[in-house]
Amino acid sequence: MKASTQKKVNKDSKGKQASPQKKGWKSIPMGGLIERGGTAKEYKTGEWRTFIPVRDEAKCINCMICWVYCPDSSIKTQDGKMTGFDMDYCKGCGICASVCPVKCIKMEKEEK
């Protein structure tokens, strides 16, 4: 008996040859799914913003409330003091400016 040399061809539900390079809906990962921890640093999201936070250092009392509320961990700190913003991840949401008790953070239109 001779072994078959024909390749098995994938066919869709209508019997037509399926495209080998296209993935079916079952093999595409679900949108918004975080498949493993620690991936946030891989995705720099700061380019989406329209507004940027600007801090008046003279007014800042280093209460760190902005650091607590920032959803993107974009507040840079050193020795318990705020040193600036990580613009690679800041989306310009303005929460830091909103919660600042001395209003030392203002949101300004970003010039690109």
PDB file of N, CA and C in Angstrom:
ATOM      1  N   MET A   1       0.848  -1.172   0.000  1.00  0.00           N
ATOM      2  CA  MET A   1       0.000   0.000   0.000  1.00  0.00           C
ATOM      3  C   MET A   1       0.895   1.237   0.000  1.00  0.00           C
ATOM      4  N   LYS A   2       0.584   2.163  -0.864  1.00  0.00           N
ATOM      5  CA  LYS A   2       1.361   3.385  -1.012  1.00  0.00           C
ATOM      6  C   LYS A   2       0.866   4.457  -0.045  1.00  0.00           C
ATOM      7  N   ALA A   3       1.814   5.158   0.582  1.00  0.00           N
ATOM      8  CA  ALA A   3       1.453   6.269   1.474  1.00  0.00           C
ATOM      9  C   ALA A   3       1.007   7.461   0.637  1.00  0.00           C
ATOM     10  N   SER A   4      -0.001   8.153   1.119  1.00  0.00           N
ATOM     11  CA  SER A   4      -0.518   9.311   0.389  1.00  0.00           C
ATOM     12  C   SER A   4       0.469  10.474   0.477  1.00  0.00           C
ATOM     13  N   THR A   5       0.729  11.105  -0.644  1.00  0.00           N
ATOM     14  CA  THR A   5       1.635  12.253  -0.669  1.00  0.00           C
ATOM     15  C   THR A   5       0.862  13.562  -0.697  1.00  0.00           C
ATOM     16  N   GLN A   6      -0.450  13.481  -0.682  1.00  0.00           N
ATOM     17  CA  GLN A   6      -1.256  14.698  -0.712  1.00  0.00           C
ATOM     18  C   GLN A   6      -1.304  15.328   0.677  1.00  0.00           C
ATOM     19  N   LYS A   7      -1.226  16.654   0.697  1.00  0.00           N
ATOM     20  CA  LYS A   7      -1.361  17.392   1.945  1.00  0.00           C
ATOM     21  C   LYS A   7      -2.833  17.536   2.267  1.00  0.00           C
ATOM     22  N   LYS A   8      -3.132  17.474   3.555  1.00  0.00           N
ATOM     23  CA  LYS A   8      -4.501  17.696   3.984  1.00  0.00           C
ATOM     24  C   LYS A   8      -4.795  19.193   3.905  1.00  0.00           C
ATOM     25  N   VAL A   9      -5.874  19.559   3.233  1.00  0.00           N
ATOM     26  CA  VAL A   9      -6.237  20.956   3.038  1.00  0.00           C
ATOM     27  C   VAL A   9      -7.349  21.321   4.009  1.00  0.00           C
ATOM     28  N   ASN A  10      -7.136  22.402   4.766  1.00  0.00           N
ATOM     29  CA  ASN A  10      -8.183  22.895   5.665  1.00  0.00           C
ATOM     30  C   ASN A  10      -9.276  23.551   4.850  1.00  0.00           C
ATOM     31  N   LYS A  11     -10.508  23.207   5.187  1.00  0.00           N
ATOM     32  CA  LYS A  11     -11.642  23.794   4.478  1.00  0.00           C
ATOM     33  C   LYS A  11     -12.560  24.467   5.476  1.00  0.00           C
ATOM     34  N   ASP A  12     -13.217  25.553   5.016  1.00  0.00           N
ATOM     35  CA  ASP A  12     -14.158  26.251   5.880  1.00  0.00           C
ATOM     36  C   ASP A  12     -15.499  25.514   5.870  1.00  0.00           C
ATOM     37  N   SER A  13     -16.503  26.087   6.542  1.00  0.00           N
ATOM     38  CA  SER A  13     -17.803  25.431   6.666  1.00  0.00           C
ATOM     39  C   SER A  13     -18.527  25.264   5.334  1.00  0.00           C
ATOM     40  N   LYS A  14     -18.136  26.010   4.310  1.00  0.00           N
ATOM     41  CA  LYS A  14     -18.769  25.908   2.989  1.00  0.00           C
ATOM     42  C   LYS A  14     -17.980  25.022   2.039  1.00  0.00           C
ATOM     43  N   GLY A  15     -16.916  24.398   2.557  1.00  0.00           N
ATOM     44  CA  GLY A  15     -16.133  23.496   1.735  1.00  0.00           C
ATOM     45  C   GLY A  15     -15.046  24.172   0.926  1.00  0.00           C
ATOM     46  N   LYS A  16     -14.879  25.476   1.091  1.00  0.00           N
ATOM     47  CA  LYS A  16     -13.827  26.194   0.371  1.00  0.00           C
ATOM     48  C   LYS A  16     -12.523  26.103   1.154  1.00  0.00           C
ATOM     49  N   GLN A  17     -11.407  26.193   0.445  1.00  0.00           N
ATOM     50  CA  GLN A  17     -10.106  26.130   1.095  1.00  0.00           C
ATOM     51  C   GLN A  17      -9.926  27.344   2.000  1.00  0.00           C
ATOM     52  N   ALA A  18      -9.580  27.083   3.267  1.00  0.00           N
ATOM     53  CA  ALA A  18      -9.382  28.157   4.240  1.00  0.00           C
ATOM     54  C   ALA A  18      -8.013  28.779   4.040  1.00  0.00           C
ATOM     55  N   SER A  19      -7.923  30.075   4.267  1.00  0.00           N
ATOM     56  CA  SER A  19      -6.654  30.784   4.139  1.00  0.00           C
ATOM     57  C   SER A  19      -5.752  30.402   5.310  1.00  0.00           C
ATOM     58  N   PRO A  20      -4.549  29.883   5.067  1.00  0.00           N
ATOM     59  CA  PRO A  20      -3.689  29.424   6.166  1.00  0.00           C
ATOM     60  C   PRO A  20      -3.122  30.548   7.027  1.00  0.00           C
ATOM     61  N   GLN A  21      -2.986  31.766   6.511  1.00  0.00           N
ATOM     62  CA  GLN A  21      -2.383  32.850   7.283  1.00  0.00           C
ATOM     63  C   GLN A  21      -3.371  33.579   8.185  1.00  0.00           C
ATOM     64  N   LYS A  22      -4.659  33.414   7.972  1.00  0.00           N
ATOM     65  CA  LYS A  22      -5.646  34.112   8.804  1.00  0.00           C
ATOM     66  C   LYS A  22      -6.013  33.257  10.002  1.00  0.00           C
ATOM     67  N   LYS A  23      -6.070  33.899  11.165  1.00  0.00           N
ATOM     68  CA  LYS A  23      -6.478  33.196  12.376  1.00  0.00           C
ATOM     69  C   LYS A  23      -7.994  33.242  12.487  1.00  0.00           C
ATOM     70  N   GLY A  24      -8.545  32.208  13.001  1.00  0.00           N
ATOM     71  CA  GLY A  24      -9.980  32.182  13.263  1.00  0.00           C
ATOM     72  C   GLY A  24     -10.286  32.946  14.536  1.00  0.00           C
ATOM     73  N   TRP A  25     -11.542  33.251  14.759  1.00  0.00           N
ATOM     74  CA  TRP A  25     -11.922  34.059  15.910  1.00  0.00           C
ATOM     75  C   TRP A  25     -11.604  33.366  17.235  1.00  0.00           C
ATOM     76  N   LYS A  26     -11.534  32.054  17.242  1.00  0.00           N
ATOM     77  CA  LYS A  26     -11.250  31.331  18.483  1.00  0.00           C
ATOM     78  C   LYS A  26      -9.774  31.405  18.881  1.00  0.00           C
ATOM     79  N   SER A  27      -8.886  31.687  17.924  1.00  0.00           N
ATOM     80  CA  SER A  27      -7.460  31.725  18.239  1.00  0.00           C
ATOM     81  C   SER A  27      -6.929  33.132  18.510  1.00  0.00           C
ATOM     82  N   ILE A  28      -7.760  34.149  18.322  1.00  0.00           N
ATOM     83  CA  ILE A  28      -7.351  35.528  18.583  1.00  0.00           C
ATOM     84  C   ILE A  28      -7.587  35.828  20.068  1.00  0.00           C
ATOM     85  N   PRO A  29      -6.591  36.404  20.775  1.00  0.00           N
ATOM     86  CA  PRO A  29      -6.788  36.683  22.204  1.00  0.00           C
ATOM     87  C   PRO A  29      -7.896  37.707  22.430  1.00  0.00           C
ATOM     88  N   MET A  30      -8.589  37.556  23.542  1.00  0.00           N
ATOM     89  CA  MET A  30      -9.685  38.455  23.890  1.00  0.00           C
ATOM     90  C   MET A  30      -9.147  39.867  24.107  1.00  0.00           C
ATOM     91  N   GLY A  31      -9.817  40.873  23.589  1.00  0.00           N
ATOM     92  CA  GLY A  31      -9.400  42.264  23.745  1.00  0.00           C
ATOM     93  C   GLY A  31      -9.419  42.692  25.201  1.00  0.00           C
ATOM     94  N   GLY A  32      -8.403  43.456  25.595  1.00  0.00           N
ATOM     95  CA  GLY A  32      -8.339  43.971  26.954  1.00  0.00           C
ATOM     96  C   GLY A  32      -7.887  42.938  27.978  1.00  0.00           C
ATOM     97  N   LEU A  33      -7.546  41.756  27.543  1.00  0.00           N
ATOM     98  CA  LEU A  33      -7.133  40.689  28.445  1.00  0.00           C
ATOM     99  C   LEU A  33      -5.661  40.848  28.813  1.00  0.00           C
ATOM    100  N   ILE A  34      -5.374  40.800  30.083  1.00  0.00           N
ATOM    101  CA  ILE A  34      -3.991  40.853  30.547  1.00  0.00           C
ATOM    102  C   ILE A  34      -3.579  39.410  30.815  1.00  0.00           C
ATOM    103  N   GLU A  35      -2.742  38.876  29.941  1.00  0.00           N
ATOM    104  CA  GLU A  35      -2.389  37.464  30.017  1.00  0.00           C
ATOM    105  C   GLU A  35      -1.326  37.157  31.060  1.00  0.00           C
ATOM    106  N   ARG A  36      -0.547  38.162  31.477  1.00  0.00           N
ATOM    107  CA  ARG A  36       0.468  37.972  32.509  1.00  0.00           C
ATOM    108  C   ARG A  36       0.710  39.305  33.193  1.00  0.00           C
ATOM    109  N   GLY A  37       1.209  39.246  34.393  1.00  0.00           N
ATOM    110  CA  GLY A  37       1.481  40.454  35.160  1.00  0.00           C
ATOM    111  C   GLY A  37       2.763  41.140  34.735  1.00  0.00           C
ATOM    112  N   GLY A  38       2.897  42.403  35.102  1.00  0.00           N
ATOM    113  CA  GLY A  38       4.136  43.137  34.876  1.00  0.00           C
ATOM    114  C   GLY A  38       4.356  43.613  33.454  1.00  0.00           C
ATOM    115  N   THR A  39       3.288  43.821  32.690  1.00  0.00           N
ATOM    116  CA  THR A  39       3.456  44.235  31.290  1.00  0.00           C
ATOM    117  C   THR A  39       3.274  45.730  31.070  1.00  0.00           C
ATOM    118  N   ALA A  40       2.869  46.470  32.082  1.00  0.00           N
ATOM    119  CA  ALA A  40       2.557  47.891  31.893  1.00  0.00           C
ATOM    120  C   ALA A  40       3.745  48.692  31.363  1.00  0.00           C
ATOM    121  N   LYS A  41       4.944  48.382  31.805  1.00  0.00           N
ATOM    122  CA  LYS A  41       6.136  49.119  31.354  1.00  0.00           C
ATOM    123  C   LYS A  41       6.403  48.923  29.864  1.00  0.00           C
ATOM    124  N   GLU A  42       5.848  47.858  29.273  1.00  0.00           N
ATOM    125  CA  GLU A  42       6.050  47.581  27.849  1.00  0.00           C
ATOM    126  C   GLU A  42       5.210  48.495  26.953  1.00  0.00           C
ATOM    127  N   TYR A  43       4.173  49.105  27.519  1.00  0.00           N
ATOM    128  CA  TYR A  43       3.242  49.897  26.716  1.00  0.00           C
ATOM    129  C   TYR A  43       3.269  51.354  27.143  1.00  0.00           C
ATOM    130  N   LYS A  44       4.056  52.148  26.451  1.00  0.00           N
ATOM    131  CA  LYS A  44       4.128  53.580  26.759  1.00  0.00           C
ATOM    132  C   LYS A  44       2.882  54.240  26.176  1.00  0.00           C
ATOM    133  N   THR A  45       2.079  54.810  27.058  1.00  0.00           N
ATOM    134  CA  THR A  45       0.769  55.323  26.661  1.00  0.00           C
ATOM    135  C   THR A  45       0.665  56.836  26.714  1.00  0.00           C
ATOM    136  N   GLY A  46       1.761  57.515  27.016  1.00  0.00           N
ATOM    137  CA  GLY A  46       1.724  58.963  27.189  1.00  0.00           C
ATOM    138  C   GLY A  46       1.481  59.761  25.926  1.00  0.00           C
ATOM    139  N   GLU A  47       1.553  59.144  24.778  1.00  0.00           N
ATOM    140  CA  GLU A  47       1.368  59.895  23.528  1.00  0.00           C
ATOM    141  C   GLU A  47      -0.095  60.180  23.205  1.00  0.00           C
ATOM    142  N   TRP A  48      -1.036  59.665  23.974  1.00  0.00           N
ATOM    143  CA  TRP A  48      -2.454  59.869  23.686  1.00  0.00           C
ATOM    144  C   TRP A  48      -2.974  61.206  24.185  1.00  0.00           C
ATOM    145  N   ARG A  49      -2.307  61.768  25.131  1.00  0.00           N
ATOM    146  CA  ARG A  49      -2.888  62.882  25.878  1.00  0.00           C
ATOM    147  C   ARG A  49      -2.997  64.174  25.055  1.00  0.00           C
ATOM    148  N   THR A  50      -3.861  65.048  25.568  1.00  0.00           N
ATOM    149  CA  THR A  50      -4.037  66.383  25.015  1.00  0.00           C
ATOM    150  C   THR A  50      -3.488  67.416  25.991  1.00  0.00           C
ATOM    151  N   PHE A  51      -3.604  67.128  27.294  1.00  0.00           N
ATOM    152  CA  PHE A  51      -3.153  68.030  28.340  1.00  0.00           C
ATOM    153  C   PHE A  51      -2.006  67.394  29.130  1.00  0.00           C
ATOM    154  N   ILE A  52      -1.113  68.240  29.630  1.00  0.00           N
ATOM    155  CA  ILE A  52      -0.015  67.761  30.471  1.00  0.00           C
ATOM    156  C   ILE A  52      -0.066  68.468  31.823  1.00  0.00           C
ATOM    157  N   PRO A  53       0.350  67.784  32.887  1.00  0.00           N
ATOM    158  CA  PRO A  53       0.405  68.425  34.193  1.00  0.00           C
ATOM    159  C   PRO A  53       1.683  69.265  34.302  1.00  0.00           C
ATOM    160  N   VAL A  54       1.537  70.447  34.858  1.00  0.00           N
ATOM    161  CA  VAL A  54       2.686  71.324  35.099  1.00  0.00           C
ATOM    162  C   VAL A  54       2.642  71.707  36.572  1.00  0.00           C
ATOM    163  N   ARG A  55       3.759  71.480  37.282  1.00  0.00           N
ATOM    164  CA  ARG A  55       3.805  71.719  38.727  1.00  0.00           C
ATOM    165  C   ARG A  55       4.557  72.998  39.044  1.00  0.00           C
ATOM    166  N   ASP A  56       3.999  73.776  39.962  1.00  0.00           N
ATOM    167  CA  ASP A  56       4.668  74.955  40.512  1.00  0.00           C
ATOM    168  C   ASP A  56       5.411  74.484  41.764  1.00  0.00           C
ATOM    169  N   GLU A  57       6.725  74.275  41.627  1.00  0.00           N
ATOM    170  CA  GLU A  57       7.529  73.729  42.732  1.00  0.00           C
ATOM    171  C   GLU A  57       7.475  74.600  43.988  1.00  0.00           C
ATOM    172  N   ALA A  58       7.339  75.896  43.828  1.00  0.00           N
ATOM    173  CA  ALA A  58       7.301  76.797  44.986  1.00  0.00           C
ATOM    174  C   ALA A  58       6.045  76.564  45.832  1.00  0.00           C
ATOM    175  N   LYS A  59       4.945  76.172  45.202  1.00  0.00           N
ATOM    176  CA  LYS A  59       3.693  75.938  45.922  1.00  0.00           C
ATOM    177  C   LYS A  59       3.586  74.520  46.494  1.00  0.00           C
ATOM    178  N   CYS A  60       4.309  73.582  45.925  1.00  0.00           N
ATOM    179  CA  CYS A  60       4.181  72.160  46.283  1.00  0.00           C
ATOM    180  C   CYS A  60       4.638  71.915  47.718  1.00  0.00           C
ATOM    181  N   ILE A  61       3.794  71.226  48.499  1.00  0.00           N
ATOM    182  CA  ILE A  61       4.128  70.910  49.893  1.00  0.00           C
ATOM    183  C   ILE A  61       4.527  69.424  50.044  1.00  0.00           C
ATOM    184  N   ASN A  62       4.678  68.721  48.933  1.00  0.00           N
ATOM    185  CA  ASN A  62       5.066  67.305  48.923  1.00  0.00           C
ATOM    186  C   ASN A  62       4.172  66.429  49.802  1.00  0.00           C
ATOM    187  N   CYS A  63       2.886  66.667  49.727  1.00  0.00           N
ATOM    188  CA  CYS A  63       1.924  65.864  50.493  1.00  0.00           C
ATOM    189  C   CYS A  63       1.738  64.473  49.876  1.00  0.00           C
ATOM    190  N   MET A  64       2.112  64.320  48.616  1.00  0.00           N
ATOM    191  CA  MET A  64       2.057  63.065  47.877  1.00  0.00           C
ATOM    192  C   MET A  64       0.643  62.558  47.581  1.00  0.00           C
ATOM    193  N   ILE A  65      -0.348  63.419  47.734  1.00  0.00           N
ATOM    194  CA  ILE A  65      -1.710  63.012  47.391  1.00  0.00           C
ATOM    195  C   ILE A  65      -1.814  62.733  45.890  1.00  0.00           C
ATOM    196  N   CYS A  66      -1.106  63.506  45.091  1.00  0.00           N
ATOM    197  CA  CYS A  66      -1.099  63.269  43.642  1.00  0.00           C
ATOM    198  C   CYS A  66      -0.560  61.874  43.327  1.00  0.00           C
ATOM    199  N   TRP A  67       0.468  61.454  44.040  1.00  0.00           N
ATOM    200  CA  TRP A  67       1.084  60.138  43.846  1.00  0.00           C
ATOM    201  C   TRP A  67       0.100  59.023  44.189  1.00  0.00           C
ATOM    202  N   VAL A  68      -0.667  59.212  45.263  1.00  0.00           N
ATOM    203  CA  VAL A  68      -1.649  58.212  45.689  1.00  0.00           C
ATOM    204  C   VAL A  68      -2.746  58.039  44.640  1.00  0.00           C
ATOM    205  N   TYR A  69      -3.219  59.127  44.068  1.00  0.00           N
ATOM    206  CA  TYR A  69      -4.364  59.079  43.163  1.00  0.00           C
ATOM    207  C   TYR A  69      -4.022  58.838  41.691  1.00  0.00           C
ATOM    208  N   CYS A  70      -2.802  59.038  41.287  1.00  0.00           N
ATOM    209  CA  CYS A  70      -2.447  58.881  39.874  1.00  0.00           C
ATOM    210  C   CYS A  70      -2.710  57.441  39.419  1.00  0.00           C
ATOM    211  N   PRO A  71      -3.610  57.241  38.458  1.00  0.00           N
ATOM    212  CA  PRO A  71      -3.937  55.879  38.025  1.00  0.00           C
ATOM    213  C   PRO A  71      -2.845  55.232  37.177  1.00  0.00           C
ATOM    214  N   ASP A  72      -1.866  55.989  36.730  1.00  0.00           N
ATOM    215  CA  ASP A  72      -0.833  55.463  35.847  1.00  0.00           C
ATOM    216  C   ASP A  72       0.550  55.423  36.475  1.00  0.00           C
ATOM    217  N   SER A  73       0.637  55.694  37.759  1.00  0.00           N
ATOM    218  CA  SER A  73       1.927  55.739  38.466  1.00  0.00           C
ATOM    219  C   SER A  73       2.919  56.641  37.743  1.00  0.00           C
ATOM    220  N   SER A  74       2.443  57.806  37.323  1.00  0.00           N
ATOM    221  CA  SER A  74       3.261  58.741  36.552  1.00  0.00           C
ATOM    222  C   SER A  74       3.913  59.834  37.391  1.00  0.00           C
ATOM    223  N   ILE A  75       3.700  59.811  38.693  1.00  0.00           N
ATOM    224  CA  ILE A  75       4.310  60.802  39.571  1.00  0.00           C
ATOM    225  C   ILE A  75       5.682  60.272  39.995  1.00  0.00           C
ATOM    226  N   LYS A  76       6.722  60.994  39.638  1.00  0.00           N
ATOM    227  CA  LYS A  76       8.080  60.597  40.015  1.00  0.00           C
ATOM    228  C   LYS A  76       8.382  61.114  41.411  1.00  0.00           C
ATOM    229  N   THR A  77       9.031  60.271  42.210  1.00  0.00           N
ATOM    230  CA  THR A  77       9.374  60.654  43.581  1.00  0.00           C
ATOM    231  C   THR A  77      10.807  60.252  43.906  1.00  0.00           C
ATOM    232  N   GLN A  78      11.346  60.942  44.901  1.00  0.00           N
ATOM    233  CA  GLN A  78      12.660  60.587  45.442  1.00  0.00           C
ATOM    234  C   GLN A  78      12.709  61.084  46.874  1.00  0.00           C
ATOM    235  N   ASP A  79      13.102  60.233  47.778  1.00  0.00           N
ATOM    236  CA  ASP A  79      13.200  60.573  49.203  1.00  0.00           C
ATOM    237  C   ASP A  79      11.906  61.174  49.751  1.00  0.00           C
ATOM    238  N   GLY A  80      10.771  60.626  49.347  1.00  0.00           N
ATOM    239  CA  GLY A  80       9.477  61.080  49.853  1.00  0.00           C
ATOM    240  C   GLY A  80       9.001  62.407  49.302  1.00  0.00           C
ATOM    241  N   LYS A  81       9.620  62.875  48.236  1.00  0.00           N
ATOM    242  CA  LYS A  81       9.213  64.148  47.624  1.00  0.00           C
ATOM    243  C   LYS A  81       8.903  63.937  46.146  1.00  0.00           C
ATOM    244  N   MET A  82       7.970  64.718  45.678  1.00  0.00           N
ATOM    245  CA  MET A  82       7.597  64.666  44.271  1.00  0.00           C
ATOM    246  C   MET A  82       8.663  65.360  43.447  1.00  0.00           C
ATOM    247  N   THR A  83       9.152  64.684  42.395  1.00  0.00           N
ATOM    248  CA  THR A  83      10.221  65.273  41.580  1.00  0.00           C
ATOM    249  C   THR A  83       9.778  65.600  40.155  1.00  0.00           C
ATOM    250  N   GLY A  84       8.604  65.150  39.773  1.00  0.00           N
ATOM    251  CA  GLY A  84       8.121  65.435  38.423  1.00  0.00           C
ATOM    252  C   GLY A  84       7.138  64.386  37.942  1.00  0.00           C
ATOM    253  N   PHE A  85       6.968  64.339  36.625  1.00  0.00           N
ATOM    254  CA  PHE A  85       6.001  63.438  36.003  1.00  0.00           C
ATOM    255  C   PHE A  85       6.698  62.539  34.986  1.00  0.00           C
ATOM    256  N   ASP A  86       6.276  61.307  34.917  1.00  0.00           N
ATOM    257  CA  ASP A  86       6.784  60.383  33.910  1.00  0.00           C
ATOM    258  C   ASP A  86       5.879  60.517  32.686  1.00  0.00           C
ATOM    259  N   MET A  87       6.310  61.305  31.728  1.00  0.00           N
ATOM    260  CA  MET A  87       5.471  61.624  30.578  1.00  0.00           C
ATOM    261  C   MET A  87       5.329  60.458  29.594  1.00  0.00           C
ATOM    262  N   ASP A  88       6.118  59.396  29.768  1.00  0.00           N
ATOM    263  CA  ASP A  88       5.937  58.209  28.928  1.00  0.00           C
ATOM    264  C   ASP A  88       4.616  57.516  29.230  1.00  0.00           C
ATOM    265  N   TYR A  89       4.103  57.698  30.452  1.00  0.00           N
ATOM    266  CA  TYR A  89       2.886  56.997  30.868  1.00  0.00           C
ATOM    267  C   TYR A  89       1.732  57.919  31.249  1.00  0.00           C
ATOM    268  N   CYS A  90       2.000  59.197  31.509  1.00  0.00           N
ATOM    269  CA  CYS A  90       0.942  60.143  31.875  1.00  0.00           C
ATOM    270  C   CYS A  90      -0.007  60.322  30.702  1.00  0.00           C
ATOM    271  N   LYS A  91      -1.306  60.132  30.971  1.00  0.00           N
ATOM    272  CA  LYS A  91      -2.318  60.284  29.921  1.00  0.00           C
ATOM    273  C   LYS A  91      -3.008  61.642  29.974  1.00  0.00           C
ATOM    274  N   GLY A  92      -2.590  62.485  30.912  1.00  0.00           N
ATOM    275  CA  GLY A  92      -3.166  63.831  30.986  1.00  0.00           C
ATOM    276  C   GLY A  92      -4.579  63.862  31.527  1.00  0.00           C
ATOM    277  N   CYS A  93      -4.923  62.938  32.410  1.00  0.00           N
ATOM    278  CA  CYS A  93      -6.297  62.854  32.919  1.00  0.00           C
ATOM    279  C   CYS A  93      -6.643  64.007  33.866  1.00  0.00           C
ATOM    280  N   GLY A  94      -5.628  64.561  34.533  1.00  0.00           N
ATOM    281  CA  GLY A  94      -5.873  65.702  35.410  1.00  0.00           C
ATOM    282  C   GLY A  94      -6.264  65.354  36.830  1.00  0.00           C
ATOM    283  N   ILE A  95      -6.255  64.091  37.185  1.00  0.00           N
ATOM    284  CA  ILE A  95      -6.603  63.709  38.556  1.00  0.00           C
ATOM    285  C   ILE A  95      -5.624  64.331  39.545  1.00  0.00           C
ATOM    286  N   CYS A  96      -4.350  64.348  39.204  1.00  0.00           N
ATOM    287  CA  CYS A  96      -3.343  64.937  40.108  1.00  0.00           C
ATOM    288  C   CYS A  96      -3.662  66.394  40.402  1.00  0.00           C
ATOM    289  N   ALA A  97      -4.039  67.145  39.388  1.00  0.00           N
ATOM    290  CA  ALA A  97      -4.375  68.562  39.565  1.00  0.00           C
ATOM    291  C   ALA A  97      -5.654  68.716  40.382  1.00  0.00           C
ATOM    292  N   SER A  98      -6.583  67.813  40.177  1.00  0.00           N
ATOM    293  CA  SER A  98      -7.867  67.867  40.866  1.00  0.00           C
ATOM    294  C   SER A  98      -7.729  67.613  42.370  1.00  0.00           C
ATOM    295  N   VAL A  99      -6.841  66.687  42.758  1.00  0.00           N
ATOM    296  CA  VAL A  99      -6.726  66.329  44.177  1.00  0.00           C
ATOM    297  C   VAL A  99      -5.697  67.151  44.941  1.00  0.00           C
ATOM    298  N   CYS A 100      -4.895  67.940  44.252  1.00  0.00           N
ATOM    299  CA  CYS A 100      -3.844  68.709  44.922  1.00  0.00           C
ATOM    300  C   CYS A 100      -4.463  69.747  45.871  1.00  0.00           C
ATOM    301  N   PRO A 101      -4.151  69.669  47.180  1.00  0.00           N
ATOM    302  CA  PRO A 101      -4.776  70.586  48.139  1.00  0.00           C
ATOM    303  C   PRO A 101      -4.298  72.026  48.010  1.00  0.00           C
ATOM    304  N   VAL A 102      -3.111  72.258  47.455  1.00  0.00           N
ATOM    305  CA  VAL A 102      -2.600  73.622  47.316  1.00  0.00           C
ATOM    306  C   VAL A 102      -2.639  74.102  45.861  1.00  0.00           C
ATOM    307  N   LYS A 103      -3.187  73.287  44.993  1.00  0.00           N
ATOM    308  CA  LYS A 103      -3.361  73.613  43.561  1.00  0.00           C
ATOM    309  C   LYS A 103      -2.047  74.017  42.890  1.00  0.00           C
ATOM    310  N   CYS A 104      -1.008  73.253  43.192  1.00  0.00           N
ATOM    311  CA  CYS A 104       0.288  73.544  42.563  1.00  0.00           C
ATOM    312  C   CYS A 104       0.426  72.865  41.193  1.00  0.00           C
ATOM    313  N   ILE A 105      -0.533  72.002  40.838  1.00  0.00           N
ATOM    314  CA  ILE A 105      -0.500  71.321  39.538  1.00  0.00           C
ATOM    315  C   ILE A 105      -1.615  71.884  38.668  1.00  0.00           C
ATOM    316  N   LYS A 106      -1.232  72.352  37.513  1.00  0.00           N
ATOM    317  CA  LYS A 106      -2.191  72.871  36.517  1.00  0.00           C
ATOM    318  C   LYS A 106      -2.101  72.024  35.260  1.00  0.00           C
ATOM    319  N   MET A 107      -3.199  71.851  34.608  1.00  0.00           N
ATOM    320  CA  MET A 107      -3.204  71.118  33.336  1.00  0.00           C
ATOM    321  C   MET A 107      -3.130  72.138  32.198  1.00  0.00           C
ATOM    322  N   GLU A 108      -2.161  71.931  31.322  1.00  0.00           N
ATOM    323  CA  GLU A 108      -1.971  72.823  30.176  1.00  0.00           C
ATOM    324  C   GLU A 108      -2.019  72.027  28.883  1.00  0.00           C
ATOM    325  N   LYS A 109      -2.491  72.661  27.846  1.00  0.00           N
ATOM    326  CA  LYS A 109      -2.558  72.030  26.529  1.00  0.00           C
ATOM    327  C   LYS A 109      -1.152  71.665  26.080  1.00  0.00           C
ATOM    328  N   GLU A 110      -0.976  70.414  25.651  1.00  0.00           N
ATOM    329  CA  GLU A 110       0.350  69.982  25.199  1.00  0.00           C
ATOM    330  C   GLU A 110       0.591  70.419  23.768  1.00  0.00           C
ATOM    331  N   GLU A 111       1.732  71.033  23.546  1.00  0.00           N
ATOM    332  CA  GLU A 111       2.153  71.424  22.204  1.00  0.00           C
ATOM    333  C   GLU A 111       2.967  70.286  21.640  1.00  0.00           C
ATOM    334  N   LYS A 112       2.544  69.737  20.515  1.00  0.00           N
ATOM    335  CA  LYS A 112       3.267  68.598  19.930  1.00  0.00           C
ATOM    336  C   LYS A 112       4.135  69.026  18.794  1.00  0.00           C
TER     337      LYS A 112
END
